[in-house]
């Protein structure tokens, strides 16, 4: 990580104004709940908060042989909105593929990634 990017990693500490609309996950109730549940993690400014993003698709359209592909992206939520969704801060971490969508079993397929991120 460059020094310039590292300066933005604590941006989320002072980004939210109670009078403004929600514009970043740091302003949401889930972020605040996580901070109150895990005060040791929240107190260390250098800890990185990540988000998992996915959306499945059928790469071959509606062909006779069904197939499903689910890319899993990891994004860095410490960064400001102008940076956190840029290509250099969103990482393709996993691809779940198979004859059908993972459905309710997606947590089983995500377990190795979650374990690696701990």
PDB file of N, CA and C in Angstrom:
ATOM      1  N   UNK A   1       0.839  -1.164   0.000  1.00  0.00           N
ATOM      2  CA  UNK A   1       0.000   0.000   0.000  1.00  0.00           C
ATOM      3  C   UNK A   1       0.890   1.234   0.000  1.00  0.00           C
ATOM      4  N   UNK A   2       0.516   2.206  -0.797  1.00  0.00           N
ATOM      5  CA  UNK A   2       1.314   3.423  -0.868  1.00  0.00           C
ATOM      6  C   UNK A   2       1.016   4.348   0.310  1.00  0.00           C
ATOM      7  N   UNK A   3       1.897   5.260   0.559  1.00  0.00           N
ATOM      8  CA  UNK A   3       1.722   6.225   1.653  1.00  0.00           C
ATOM      9  C   UNK A   3       0.472   7.077   1.407  1.00  0.00           C
ATOM     10  N   UNK A   4       0.229   7.422   0.153  1.00  0.00           N
ATOM     11  CA  UNK A   4      -0.935   8.238  -0.202  1.00  0.00           C
ATOM     12  C   UNK A   4      -2.238   7.495   0.123  1.00  0.00           C
ATOM     13  N   UNK A   5      -2.299   6.207  -0.196  1.00  0.00           N
ATOM     14  CA  UNK A   5      -3.486   5.398   0.117  1.00  0.00           C
ATOM     15  C   UNK A   5      -3.624   5.200   1.618  1.00  0.00           C
ATOM     16  N   UNK A   6      -2.525   4.974   2.297  1.00  0.00           N
ATOM     17  CA  UNK A   6      -2.559   4.746   3.743  1.00  0.00           C
ATOM     18  C   UNK A   6      -3.154   5.943   4.479  1.00  0.00           C
ATOM     19  N   UNK A   7      -2.937   7.139   3.980  1.00  0.00           N
ATOM     20  CA  UNK A   7      -3.509   8.333   4.607  1.00  0.00           C
ATOM     21  C   UNK A   7      -5.040   8.310   4.577  1.00  0.00           C
ATOM     22  N   UNK A   8      -5.618   7.651   3.591  1.00  0.00           N
ATOM     23  CA  UNK A   8      -7.079   7.592   3.450  1.00  0.00           C
ATOM     24  C   UNK A   8      -7.714   6.460   4.262  1.00  0.00           C
ATOM     25  N   UNK A   9      -6.903   5.574   4.807  1.00  0.00           N
ATOM     26  CA  UNK A   9      -7.439   4.393   5.498  1.00  0.00           C
ATOM     27  C   UNK A   9      -8.152   4.723   6.810  1.00  0.00           C
ATOM     28  N   UNK A  10      -7.934   5.885   7.370  1.00  0.00           N
ATOM     29  CA  UNK A  10      -8.648   6.276   8.592  1.00  0.00           C
ATOM     30  C   UNK A  10      -9.725   7.321   8.303  1.00  0.00           C
ATOM     31  N   UNK A  11     -10.029   7.529   7.058  1.00  0.00           N
ATOM     32  CA  UNK A  11     -11.039   8.495   6.641  1.00  0.00           C
ATOM     33  C   UNK A  11     -12.382   8.242   7.318  1.00  0.00           C
ATOM     34  N   UNK A  12     -12.739   7.004   7.510  1.00  0.00           N
ATOM     35  CA  UNK A  12     -14.053   6.646   8.044  1.00  0.00           C
ATOM     36  C   UNK A  12     -14.288   7.126   9.469  1.00  0.00           C
ATOM     37  N   UNK A  13     -13.239   7.526  10.172  1.00  0.00           N
ATOM     38  CA  UNK A  13     -13.387   7.942  11.573  1.00  0.00           C
ATOM     39  C   UNK A  13     -14.199   9.228  11.722  1.00  0.00           C
ATOM     40  N   UNK A  14     -14.078  10.136  10.767  1.00  0.00           N
ATOM     41  CA  UNK A  14     -14.738  11.437  10.873  1.00  0.00           C
ATOM     42  C   UNK A  14     -15.626  11.754   9.670  1.00  0.00           C
ATOM     43  N   UNK A  15     -16.117  10.752   9.006  1.00  0.00           N
ATOM     44  CA  UNK A  15     -16.840  10.992   7.756  1.00  0.00           C
ATOM     45  C   UNK A  15     -18.329  11.256   7.920  1.00  0.00           C
ATOM     46  N   UNK A  16     -18.919  10.812   9.012  1.00  0.00           N
ATOM     47  CA  UNK A  16     -20.375  10.845   9.133  1.00  0.00           C
ATOM     48  C   UNK A  16     -20.852  12.040   9.941  1.00  0.00           C
ATOM     49  N   UNK A  17     -21.840  12.683   9.392  1.00  0.00           N
ATOM     50  CA  UNK A  17     -22.495  13.792  10.062  1.00  0.00           C
ATOM     51  C   UNK A  17     -23.934  13.374  10.310  1.00  0.00           C
ATOM     52  N   UNK A  18     -24.412  13.523  11.518  1.00  0.00           N
ATOM     53  CA  UNK A  18     -25.758  13.066  11.883  1.00  0.00           C
ATOM     54  C   UNK A  18     -26.841  13.718  11.033  1.00  0.00           C
ATOM     55  N   UNK A  19     -26.586  14.909  10.484  1.00  0.00           N
ATOM     56  CA  UNK A  19     -27.602  15.623   9.715  1.00  0.00           C
ATOM     57  C   UNK A  19     -27.604  15.252   8.235  1.00  0.00           C
ATOM     58  N   UNK A  20     -26.602  14.501   7.800  1.00  0.00           N
ATOM     59  CA  UNK A  20     -26.502  14.149   6.394  1.00  0.00           C
ATOM     60  C   UNK A  20     -27.110  12.775   6.133  1.00  0.00           C
ATOM     61  N   UNK A  21     -27.355  12.509   4.871  1.00  0.00           N
ATOM     62  CA  UNK A  21     -27.891  11.217   4.472  1.00  0.00           C
ATOM     63  C   UNK A  21     -26.791  10.164   4.517  1.00  0.00           C
ATOM     64  N   UNK A  22     -27.217   8.917   4.615  1.00  0.00           N
ATOM     65  CA  UNK A  22     -26.294   7.777   4.595  1.00  0.00           C
ATOM     66  C   UNK A  22     -25.577   7.750   3.246  1.00  0.00           C
ATOM     67  N   UNK A  23     -24.254   7.756   3.260  1.00  0.00           N
ATOM     68  CA  UNK A  23     -23.522   7.702   1.997  1.00  0.00           C
ATOM     69  C   UNK A  23     -22.332   6.757   2.026  1.00  0.00           C
ATOM     70  N   UNK A  24     -22.071   6.132   3.181  1.00  0.00           N
ATOM     71  CA  UNK A  24     -20.953   5.201   3.302  1.00  0.00           C
ATOM     72  C   UNK A  24     -21.296   4.201   4.401  1.00  0.00           C
ATOM     73  N   UNK A  25     -20.849   2.950   4.287  1.00  0.00           N
ATOM     74  CA  UNK A  25     -21.148   1.964   5.342  1.00  0.00           C
ATOM     75  C   UNK A  25     -20.742   2.413   6.744  1.00  0.00           C
ATOM     76  N   UNK A  26     -19.735   3.262   6.879  1.00  0.00           N
ATOM     77  CA  UNK A  26     -19.306   3.738   8.200  1.00  0.00           C
ATOM     78  C   UNK A  26     -20.399   4.538   8.900  1.00  0.00           C
ATOM     79  N   UNK A  27     -21.354   5.062   8.151  1.00  0.00           N
ATOM     80  CA  UNK A  27     -22.452   5.855   8.720  1.00  0.00           C
ATOM     81  C   UNK A  27     -23.645   4.991   9.115  1.00  0.00           C
ATOM     82  N   UNK A  28     -23.595   3.712   8.815  1.00  0.00           N
ATOM     83  CA  UNK A  28     -24.735   2.831   9.044  1.00  0.00           C
ATOM     84  C   UNK A  28     -24.787   2.224  10.436  1.00  0.00           C
ATOM     85  N   UNK A  29     -25.945   1.696  10.755  1.00  0.00           N
ATOM     86  CA  UNK A  29     -26.166   1.063  12.056  1.00  0.00           C
ATOM     87  C   UNK A  29     -25.317  -0.201  12.227  1.00  0.00           C
ATOM     88  N   UNK A  30     -25.123  -0.967  11.158  1.00  0.00           N
ATOM     89  CA  UNK A  30     -24.342  -2.210  11.257  1.00  0.00           C
ATOM     90  C   UNK A  30     -22.900  -1.907  11.660  1.00  0.00           C
ATOM     91  N   UNK A  31     -22.328  -0.844  11.113  1.00  0.00           N
ATOM     92  CA  UNK A  31     -20.950  -0.446  11.444  1.00  0.00           C
ATOM     93  C   UNK A  31     -20.871  -0.062  12.915  1.00  0.00           C
ATOM     94  N   UNK A  32     -21.832   0.737  13.367  1.00  0.00           N
ATOM     95  CA  UNK A  32     -21.854   1.173  14.769  1.00  0.00           C
ATOM     96  C   UNK A  32     -22.066  -0.011  15.713  1.00  0.00           C
ATOM     97  N   UNK A  33     -22.929  -0.941  15.313  1.00  0.00           N
ATOM     98  CA  UNK A  33     -23.167  -2.132  16.133  1.00  0.00           C
ATOM     99  C   UNK A  33     -21.895  -2.976  16.233  1.00  0.00           C
ATOM    100  N   UNK A  34     -21.197  -3.137  15.099  1.00  0.00           N
ATOM    101  CA  UNK A  34     -19.940  -3.885  15.108  1.00  0.00           C
ATOM    102  C   UNK A  34     -18.933  -3.228  16.044  1.00  0.00           C
ATOM    103  N   UNK A  35     -18.837  -1.898  15.988  1.00  0.00           N
ATOM    104  CA  UNK A  35     -17.900  -1.172  16.865  1.00  0.00           C
ATOM    105  C   UNK A  35     -18.223  -1.391  18.336  1.00  0.00           C
ATOM    106  N   UNK A  36     -19.522  -1.392  18.679  1.00  0.00           N
ATOM    107  CA  UNK A  36     -19.888  -1.584  20.088  1.00  0.00           C
ATOM    108  C   UNK A  36     -19.723  -3.033  20.532  1.00  0.00           C
ATOM    109  N   UNK A  37     -19.878  -3.975  19.609  1.00  0.00           N
ATOM    110  CA  UNK A  37     -19.715  -5.391  19.928  1.00  0.00           C
ATOM    111  C   UNK A  37     -18.245  -5.782  20.021  1.00  0.00           C
ATOM    112  N   UNK A  38     -17.400  -5.158  19.214  1.00  0.00           N
ATOM    113  CA  UNK A  38     -15.969  -5.474  19.159  1.00  0.00           C
ATOM    114  C   UNK A  38     -15.137  -4.215  19.408  1.00  0.00           C
ATOM    115  N   UNK A  39     -15.152  -3.689  20.628  1.00  0.00           N
ATOM    116  CA  UNK A  39     -14.439  -2.426  20.893  1.00  0.00           C
ATOM    117  C   UNK A  39     -12.921  -2.528  20.707  1.00  0.00           C
ATOM    118  N   UNK A  40     -12.340  -3.711  20.926  1.00  0.00           N
ATOM    119  CA  UNK A  40     -10.887  -3.856  20.742  1.00  0.00           C
ATOM    120  C   UNK A  40     -10.517  -3.654  19.283  1.00  0.00           C
ATOM    121  N   UNK A  41     -11.330  -4.220  18.382  1.00  0.00           N
ATOM    122  CA  UNK A  41     -11.077  -4.064  16.946  1.00  0.00           C
ATOM    123  C   UNK A  41     -11.292  -2.612  16.537  1.00  0.00           C
ATOM    124  N   UNK A  42     -12.381  -2.015  17.004  1.00  0.00           N
ATOM    125  CA  UNK A  42     -12.732  -0.648  16.613  1.00  0.00           C
ATOM    126  C   UNK A  42     -11.729   0.376  17.129  1.00  0.00           C
ATOM    127  N   UNK A  43     -11.098   0.108  18.266  1.00  0.00           N
ATOM    128  CA  UNK A  43     -10.167   1.079  18.846  1.00  0.00           C
ATOM    129  C   UNK A  43      -8.837   1.144  18.093  1.00  0.00           C
ATOM    130  N   UNK A  44      -8.494   0.104  17.358  1.00  0.00           N
ATOM    131  CA  UNK A  44      -7.238   0.088  16.598  1.00  0.00           C
ATOM    132  C   UNK A  44      -7.496   0.689  15.216  1.00  0.00           C
ATOM    133  N   UNK A  45      -6.996   1.879  14.977  1.00  0.00           N
ATOM    134  CA  UNK A  45      -7.260   2.604  13.743  1.00  0.00           C
ATOM    135  C   UNK A  45      -6.713   1.913  12.500  1.00  0.00           C
ATOM    136  N   UNK A  46      -5.718   1.061  12.663  1.00  0.00           N
ATOM    137  CA  UNK A  46      -5.088   0.413  11.511  1.00  0.00           C
ATOM    138  C   UNK A  46      -5.824  -0.837  11.036  1.00  0.00           C
ATOM    139  N   UNK A  47      -6.830  -1.294  11.769  1.00  0.00           N
ATOM    140  CA  UNK A  47      -7.577  -2.472  11.342  1.00  0.00           C
ATOM    141  C   UNK A  47      -8.352  -2.172  10.062  1.00  0.00           C
ATOM    142  N   UNK A  48      -8.360  -3.125   9.170  1.00  0.00           N
ATOM    143  CA  UNK A  48      -8.987  -2.945   7.864  1.00  0.00           C
ATOM    144  C   UNK A  48     -10.359  -3.612   7.869  1.00  0.00           C
ATOM    145  N   UNK A  49     -11.349  -2.885   7.373  1.00  0.00           N
ATOM    146  CA  UNK A  49     -12.723  -3.407   7.268  1.00  0.00           C
ATOM    147  C   UNK A  49     -12.992  -3.740   5.819  1.00  0.00           C
ATOM    148  N   UNK A  50     -13.425  -4.972   5.606  1.00  0.00           N
ATOM    149  CA  UNK A  50     -13.646  -5.468   4.254  1.00  0.00           C
ATOM    150  C   UNK A  50     -15.112  -5.795   4.027  1.00  0.00           C
ATOM    151  N   UNK A  51     -15.523  -5.691   2.789  1.00  0.00           N
ATOM    152  CA  UNK A  51     -16.869  -6.087   2.407  1.00  0.00           C
ATOM    153  C   UNK A  51     -16.802  -7.154   1.335  1.00  0.00           C
ATOM    154  N   UNK A  52     -17.696  -8.127   1.419  1.00  0.00           N
ATOM    155  CA  UNK A  52     -17.800  -9.162   0.380  1.00  0.00           C
ATOM    156  C   UNK A  52     -18.952  -8.811  -0.542  1.00  0.00           C
ATOM    157  N   UNK A  53     -18.702  -8.870  -1.832  1.00  0.00           N
ATOM    158  CA  UNK A  53     -19.716  -8.545  -2.831  1.00  0.00           C
ATOM    159  C   UNK A  53     -19.801  -9.692  -3.832  1.00  0.00           C
ATOM    160  N   UNK A  54     -21.021 -10.045  -4.226  1.00  0.00           N
ATOM    161  CA  UNK A  54     -21.182 -11.084  -5.234  1.00  0.00           C
ATOM    162  C   UNK A  54     -22.466 -10.878  -6.018  1.00  0.00           C
ATOM    163  N   UNK A  55     -22.480 -11.384  -7.202  1.00  0.00           N
ATOM    164  CA  UNK A  55     -23.685 -11.407  -8.027  1.00  0.00           C
ATOM    165  C   UNK A  55     -23.466 -12.463  -9.101  1.00  0.00           C
ATOM    166  N   UNK A  56     -24.278 -13.495  -9.078  1.00  0.00           N
ATOM    167  CA  UNK A  56     -24.101 -14.593 -10.013  1.00  0.00           C
ATOM    168  C   UNK A  56     -24.677 -14.306 -11.385  1.00  0.00           C
ATOM    169  N   UNK A  57     -24.186 -15.044 -12.356  1.00  0.00           N
ATOM    170  CA  UNK A  57     -24.699 -14.924 -13.720  1.00  0.00           C
ATOM    171  C   UNK A  57     -24.542 -16.259 -14.434  1.00  0.00           C
ATOM    172  N   UNK A  58     -25.257 -16.398 -15.530  1.00  0.00           N
ATOM    173  CA  UNK A  58     -25.174 -17.585 -16.373  1.00  0.00           C
ATOM    174  C   UNK A  58     -24.329 -17.206 -17.589  1.00  0.00           C
ATOM    175  N   UNK A  59     -23.091 -17.689 -17.680  1.00  0.00           N
ATOM    176  CA  UNK A  59     -22.195 -17.232 -18.740  1.00  0.00           C
ATOM    177  C   UNK A  59     -22.618 -17.630 -20.154  1.00  0.00           C
ATOM    178  N   UNK A  60     -23.406 -18.678 -20.284  1.00  0.00           N
ATOM    179  CA  UNK A  60     -23.787 -19.141 -21.617  1.00  0.00           C
ATOM    180  C   UNK A  60     -25.233 -18.819 -21.946  1.00  0.00           C
ATOM    181  N   UNK A  61     -25.821 -17.851 -21.260  1.00  0.00           N
ATOM    182  CA  UNK A  61     -27.206 -17.490 -21.508  1.00  0.00           C
ATOM    183  C   UNK A  61     -28.136 -18.617 -21.081  1.00  0.00           C
ATOM    184  N   UNK A  62     -29.205 -18.768 -21.800  1.00  0.00           N
ATOM    185  CA  UNK A  62     -30.187 -19.807 -21.472  1.00  0.00           C
ATOM    186  C   UNK A  62     -30.008 -21.002 -22.404  1.00  0.00           C
ATOM    187  N   UNK A  63     -28.831 -21.584 -22.371  1.00  0.00           N
ATOM    188  CA  UNK A  63     -28.547 -22.736 -23.227  1.00  0.00           C
ATOM    189  C   UNK A  63     -29.123 -24.004 -22.608  1.00  0.00           C
ATOM    190  N   UNK A  64     -29.004 -25.092 -23.326  1.00  0.00           N
ATOM    191  CA  UNK A  64     -29.552 -26.370 -22.854  1.00  0.00           C
ATOM    192  C   UNK A  64     -28.771 -26.920 -21.660  1.00  0.00           C
ATOM    193  N   UNK A  65     -27.511 -26.553 -21.532  1.00  0.00           N
ATOM    194  CA  UNK A  65     -26.735 -27.007 -20.376  1.00  0.00           C
ATOM    195  C   UNK A  65     -26.589 -25.838 -19.399  1.00  0.00           C
ATOM    196  N   UNK A  66     -27.363 -25.847 -18.312  1.00  0.00           N
ATOM    197  CA  UNK A  66     -27.297 -24.731 -17.358  1.00  0.00           C
ATOM    198  C   UNK A  66     -25.942 -24.694 -16.651  1.00  0.00           C
ATOM    199  N   UNK A  67     -25.488 -23.490 -16.406  1.00  0.00           N
ATOM    200  CA  UNK A  67     -24.216 -23.300 -15.735  1.00  0.00           C
ATOM    201  C   UNK A  67     -24.277 -21.974 -14.996  1.00  0.00           C
ATOM    202  N   UNK A  68     -23.668 -21.900 -13.831  1.00  0.00           N
ATOM    203  CA  UNK A  68     -23.726 -20.713 -13.002  1.00  0.00           C
ATOM    204  C   UNK A  68     -22.320 -20.298 -12.593  1.00  0.00           C
ATOM    205  N   UNK A  69     -22.087 -18.996 -12.537  1.00  0.00           N
ATOM    206  CA  UNK A  69     -20.791 -18.461 -12.134  1.00  0.00           C
ATOM    207  C   UNK A  69     -21.035 -17.322 -11.146  1.00  0.00           C
ATOM    208  N   UNK A  70     -20.402 -17.400  -9.984  1.00  0.00           N
ATOM    209  CA  UNK A  70     -20.574 -16.405  -8.921  1.00  0.00           C
ATOM    210  C   UNK A  70     -19.209 -15.856  -8.516  1.00  0.00           C
ATOM    211  N   UNK A  71     -18.782 -14.726  -9.074  1.00  0.00           N
ATOM    212  CA  UNK A  71     -17.523 -14.121  -8.611  1.00  0.00           C
ATOM    213  C   UNK A  71     -17.725 -13.476  -7.241  1.00  0.00           C
ATOM    214  N   UNK A  72     -16.741 -13.611  -6.375  1.00  0.00           N
ATOM    215  CA  UNK A  72     -16.768 -13.015  -5.040  1.00  0.00           C
ATOM    216  C   UNK A  72     -15.671 -11.948  -4.992  1.00  0.00           C
ATOM    217  N   UNK A  73     -16.081 -10.713  -4.735  1.00  0.00           N
ATOM    218  CA  UNK A  73     -15.159  -9.593  -4.662  1.00  0.00           C
ATOM    219  C   UNK A  73     -15.017  -9.133  -3.211  1.00  0.00           C
ATOM    220  N   UNK A  74     -13.819  -8.704  -2.857  1.00  0.00           N
ATOM    221  CA  UNK A  74     -13.560  -8.115  -1.546  1.00  0.00           C
ATOM    222  C   UNK A  74     -13.224  -6.646  -1.779  1.00  0.00           C
ATOM    223  N   UNK A  75     -13.907  -5.766  -1.064  1.00  0.00           N
ATOM    224  CA  UNK A  75     -13.629  -4.336  -1.180  1.00  0.00           C
ATOM    225  C   UNK A  75     -13.222  -3.778   0.182  1.00  0.00           C
ATOM    226  N   UNK A  76     -12.431  -2.716   0.151  1.00  0.00           N
ATOM    227  CA  UNK A  76     -11.897  -2.097   1.369  1.00  0.00           C
ATOM    228  C   UNK A  76     -12.822  -0.958   1.772  1.00  0.00           C
ATOM    229  N   UNK A  77     -13.518  -1.117   2.900  1.00  0.00           N
ATOM    230  CA  UNK A  77     -14.486  -0.119   3.347  1.00  0.00           C
ATOM    231  C   UNK A  77     -13.880   1.014   4.166  1.00  0.00           C
ATOM    232  N   UNK A  78     -12.613   0.940   4.517  1.00  0.00           N
ATOM    233  CA  UNK A  78     -11.975   2.032   5.242  1.00  0.00           C
ATOM    234  C   UNK A  78     -11.830   3.276   4.362  1.00  0.00           C
ATOM    235  N   UNK A  79     -11.811   3.079   3.080  1.00  0.00           N
ATOM    236  CA  UNK A  79     -11.538   4.166   2.145  1.00  0.00           C
ATOM    237  C   UNK A  79     -12.783   5.002   1.866  1.00  0.00           C
ATOM    238  N   UNK A  80     -12.595   6.259   1.444  1.00  0.00           N
ATOM    239  CA  UNK A  80     -13.735   7.105   1.107  1.00  0.00           C
ATOM    240  C   UNK A  80     -14.477   6.567  -0.124  1.00  0.00           C
ATOM    241  N   UNK A  81     -15.739   6.988  -0.311  1.00  0.00           N
ATOM    242  CA  UNK A  81     -16.529   6.483  -1.438  1.00  0.00           C
ATOM    243  C   UNK A  81     -15.876   6.713  -2.801  1.00  0.00           C
ATOM    244  N   UNK A  82     -15.110   7.766  -2.925  1.00  0.00           N
ATOM    245  CA  UNK A  82     -14.447   8.037  -4.206  1.00  0.00           C
ATOM    246  C   UNK A  82     -13.345   7.034  -4.519  1.00  0.00           C
ATOM    247  N   UNK A  83     -12.928   6.248  -3.521  1.00  0.00           N
ATOM    248  CA  UNK A  83     -11.850   5.288  -3.723  1.00  0.00           C
ATOM    249  C   UNK A  83     -12.276   3.834  -3.536  1.00  0.00           C
ATOM    250  N   UNK A  84     -13.184   3.552  -2.603  1.00  0.00           N
ATOM    251  CA  UNK A  84     -13.414   2.163  -2.182  1.00  0.00           C
ATOM    252  C   UNK A  84     -13.988   1.262  -3.281  1.00  0.00           C
ATOM    253  N   UNK A  85     -14.601   1.825  -4.320  1.00  0.00           N
ATOM    254  CA  UNK A  85     -15.133   0.994  -5.396  1.00  0.00           C
ATOM    255  C   UNK A  85     -14.325   1.102  -6.685  1.00  0.00           C
ATOM    256  N   UNK A  86     -13.160   1.691  -6.603  1.00  0.00           N
ATOM    257  CA  UNK A  86     -12.281   1.741  -7.775  1.00  0.00           C
ATOM    258  C   UNK A  86     -11.617   0.385  -7.962  1.00  0.00           C
ATOM    259  N   UNK A  87     -11.271   0.085  -9.187  1.00  0.00           N
ATOM    260  CA  UNK A  87     -10.735  -1.226  -9.553  1.00  0.00           C
ATOM    261  C   UNK A  87      -9.528  -1.632  -8.720  1.00  0.00           C
ATOM    262  N   UNK A  88      -8.650  -0.698  -8.385  1.00  0.00           N
ATOM    263  CA  UNK A  88      -7.446  -1.073  -7.642  1.00  0.00           C
ATOM    264  C   UNK A  88      -7.710  -1.435  -6.180  1.00  0.00           C
ATOM    265  N   UNK A  89      -8.928  -1.179  -5.687  1.00  0.00           N
ATOM    266  CA  UNK A  89      -9.267  -1.515  -4.302  1.00  0.00           C
ATOM    267  C   UNK A  89     -10.375  -2.562  -4.188  1.00  0.00           C
ATOM    268  N   UNK A  90     -10.737  -3.180  -5.295  1.00  0.00           N
ATOM    269  CA  UNK A  90     -11.714  -4.275  -5.308  1.00  0.00           C
ATOM    270  C   UNK A  90     -10.989  -5.502  -5.852  1.00  0.00           C
ATOM    271  N   UNK A  91     -11.019  -6.588  -5.074  1.00  0.00           N
ATOM    272  CA  UNK A  91     -10.212  -7.764  -5.399  1.00  0.00           C
ATOM    273  C   UNK A  91     -11.100  -8.963  -5.688  1.00  0.00           C
ATOM    274  N   UNK A  92     -10.900  -9.586  -6.850  1.00  0.00           N
ATOM    275  CA  UNK A  92     -11.578 -10.841  -7.159  1.00  0.00           C
ATOM    276  C   UNK A  92     -10.895 -11.924  -6.339  1.00  0.00           C
ATOM    277  N   UNK A  93     -11.628 -12.488  -5.374  1.00  0.00           N
ATOM    278  CA  UNK A  93     -11.016 -13.414  -4.424  1.00  0.00           C
ATOM    279  C   UNK A  93     -11.422 -14.857  -4.617  1.00  0.00           C
ATOM    280  N   UNK A  94     -12.551 -15.071  -5.252  1.00  0.00           N
ATOM    281  CA  UNK A  94     -13.086 -16.426  -5.363  1.00  0.00           C
ATOM    282  C   UNK A  94     -14.097 -16.462  -6.496  1.00  0.00           C
ATOM    283  N   UNK A  95     -14.170 -17.582  -7.186  1.00  0.00           N
ATOM    284  CA  UNK A  95     -15.218 -17.797  -8.191  1.00  0.00           C
ATOM    285  C   UNK A  95     -15.895 -19.115  -7.862  1.00  0.00           C
ATOM    286  N   UNK A  96     -17.198 -19.048  -7.616  1.00  0.00           N
ATOM    287  CA  UNK A  96     -17.992 -20.247  -7.353  1.00  0.00           C
ATOM    288  C   UNK A  96     -18.690 -20.598  -8.661  1.00  0.00           C
ATOM    289  N   UNK A  97     -18.410 -21.772  -9.149  1.00  0.00           N
ATOM    290  CA  UNK A  97     -18.999 -22.197 -10.420  1.00  0.00           C
ATOM    291  C   UNK A  97     -19.667 -23.547 -10.268  1.00  0.00           C
ATOM    292  N   UNK A  98     -20.586 -23.817 -11.133  1.00  0.00           N
ATOM    293  CA  UNK A  98     -21.262 -25.101 -11.085  1.00  0.00           C
ATOM    294  C   UNK A  98     -22.530 -25.108 -11.914  1.00  0.00           C
ATOM    295  N   UNK A  99     -23.241 -26.228 -11.897  1.00  0.00           N
ATOM    296  CA  UNK A  99     -24.441 -26.357 -12.724  1.00  0.00           C
ATOM    297  C   UNK A  99     -25.613 -25.512 -12.228  1.00  0.00           C
ATOM    298  N   UNK A 100     -25.548 -25.023 -10.996  1.00  0.00           N
ATOM    299  CA  UNK A 100     -26.626 -24.180 -10.472  1.00  0.00           C
ATOM    300  C   UNK A 100     -26.060 -23.203  -9.449  1.00  0.00           C
ATOM    301  N   UNK A 101     -26.859 -22.225  -9.054  1.00  0.00           N
ATOM    302  CA  UNK A 101     -26.387 -21.237  -8.085  1.00  0.00           C
ATOM    303  C   UNK A 101     -26.151 -21.896  -6.728  1.00  0.00           C
ATOM    304  N   UNK A 102     -25.246 -21.334  -5.921  1.00  0.00           N
ATOM    305  CA  UNK A 102     -24.960 -21.941  -4.627  1.00  0.00           C
ATOM    306  C   UNK A 102     -26.123 -21.832  -3.639  1.00  0.00           C
ATOM    307  N   UNK A 103     -27.006 -20.854  -3.840  1.00  0.00           N
ATOM    308  CA  UNK A 103     -28.179 -20.709  -2.979  1.00  0.00           C
ATOM    309  C   UNK A 103     -27.812 -20.566  -1.514  1.00  0.00           C
ATOM    310  N   UNK A 104     -28.487 -21.308  -0.657  1.00  0.00           N
ATOM    311  CA  UNK A 104     -28.251 -21.220   0.791  1.00  0.00           C
ATOM    312  C   UNK A 104     -26.914 -21.824   1.203  1.00  0.00           C
ATOM    313  N   UNK A 105     -26.260 -22.556   0.319  1.00  0.00           N
ATOM    314  CA  UNK A 105     -24.975 -23.182   0.640  1.00  0.00           C
ATOM    315  C   UNK A 105     -23.781 -22.270   0.354  1.00  0.00           C
ATOM    316  N   UNK A 106     -24.032 -21.020   0.013  1.00  0.00           N
ATOM    317  CA  UNK A 106     -22.919 -20.121  -0.312  1.00  0.00           C
ATOM    318  C   UNK A 106     -21.997 -19.926   0.885  1.00  0.00           C
ATOM    319  N   UNK A 107     -22.531 -19.981   2.111  1.00  0.00           N
ATOM    320  CA  UNK A 107     -21.679 -19.802   3.293  1.00  0.00           C
ATOM    321  C   UNK A 107     -20.647 -20.916   3.418  1.00  0.00           C
ATOM    322  N   UNK A 108     -20.996 -22.122   2.992  1.00  0.00           N
ATOM    323  CA  UNK A 108     -20.050 -23.245   3.025  1.00  0.00           C
ATOM    324  C   UNK A 108     -18.903 -22.978   2.047  1.00  0.00           C
ATOM    325  N   UNK A 109     -19.238 -22.437   0.885  1.00  0.00           N
ATOM    326  CA  UNK A 109     -18.219 -22.162  -0.129  1.00  0.00           C
ATOM    327  C   UNK A 109     -17.368 -20.946   0.220  1.00  0.00           C
ATOM    328  N   UNK A 110     -17.910 -20.034   1.016  1.00  0.00           N
ATOM    329  CA  UNK A 110     -17.160 -18.856   1.437  1.00  0.00           C
ATOM    330  C   UNK A 110     -16.249 -19.126   2.630  1.00  0.00           C
ATOM    331  N   UNK A 111     -16.454 -20.221   3.349  1.00  0.00           N
ATOM    332  CA  UNK A 111     -15.707 -20.512   4.571  1.00  0.00           C
ATOM    333  C   UNK A 111     -14.189 -20.463   4.377  1.00  0.00           C
ATOM    334  N   UNK A 112     -13.600 -21.065   3.327  1.00  0.00           N
ATOM    335  CA  UNK A 112     -12.134 -20.969   3.170  1.00  0.00           C
ATOM    336  C   UNK A 112     -11.651 -19.526   3.013  1.00  0.00           C
ATOM    337  N   UNK A 113     -12.402 -18.702   2.301  1.00  0.00           N
ATOM    338  CA  UNK A 113     -12.032 -17.293   2.139  1.00  0.00           C
ATOM    339  C   UNK A 113     -12.101 -16.566   3.479  1.00  0.00           C
ATOM    340  N   UNK A 114     -13.162 -16.771   4.226  1.00  0.00           N
ATOM    341  CA  UNK A 114     -13.314 -16.137   5.539  1.00  0.00           C
ATOM    342  C   UNK A 114     -12.171 -16.556   6.465  1.00  0.00           C
ATOM    343  N   UNK A 115     -11.840 -17.839   6.452  1.00  0.00           N
ATOM    344  CA  UNK A 115     -10.731 -18.324   7.289  1.00  0.00           C
ATOM    345  C   UNK A 115      -9.407 -17.676   6.900  1.00  0.00           C
ATOM    346  N   UNK A 116      -9.177 -17.484   5.601  1.00  0.00           N
ATOM    347  CA  UNK A 116      -7.942 -16.848   5.137  1.00  0.00           C
ATOM    348  C   UNK A 116      -7.877 -15.382   5.552  1.00  0.00           C
ATOM    349  N   UNK A 117      -9.025 -14.727   5.620  1.00  0.00           N
ATOM    350  CA  UNK A 117      -9.047 -13.293   5.946  1.00  0.00           C
ATOM    351  C   UNK A 117      -8.901 -13.022   7.441  1.00  0.00           C
ATOM    352  N   UNK A 118      -9.063 -14.037   8.276  1.00  0.00           N
ATOM    353  CA  UNK A 118      -8.947 -13.813   9.722  1.00  0.00           C
ATOM    354  C   UNK A 118      -7.511 -13.567  10.131  1.00  0.00           C
TER     355      UNK A 118
END
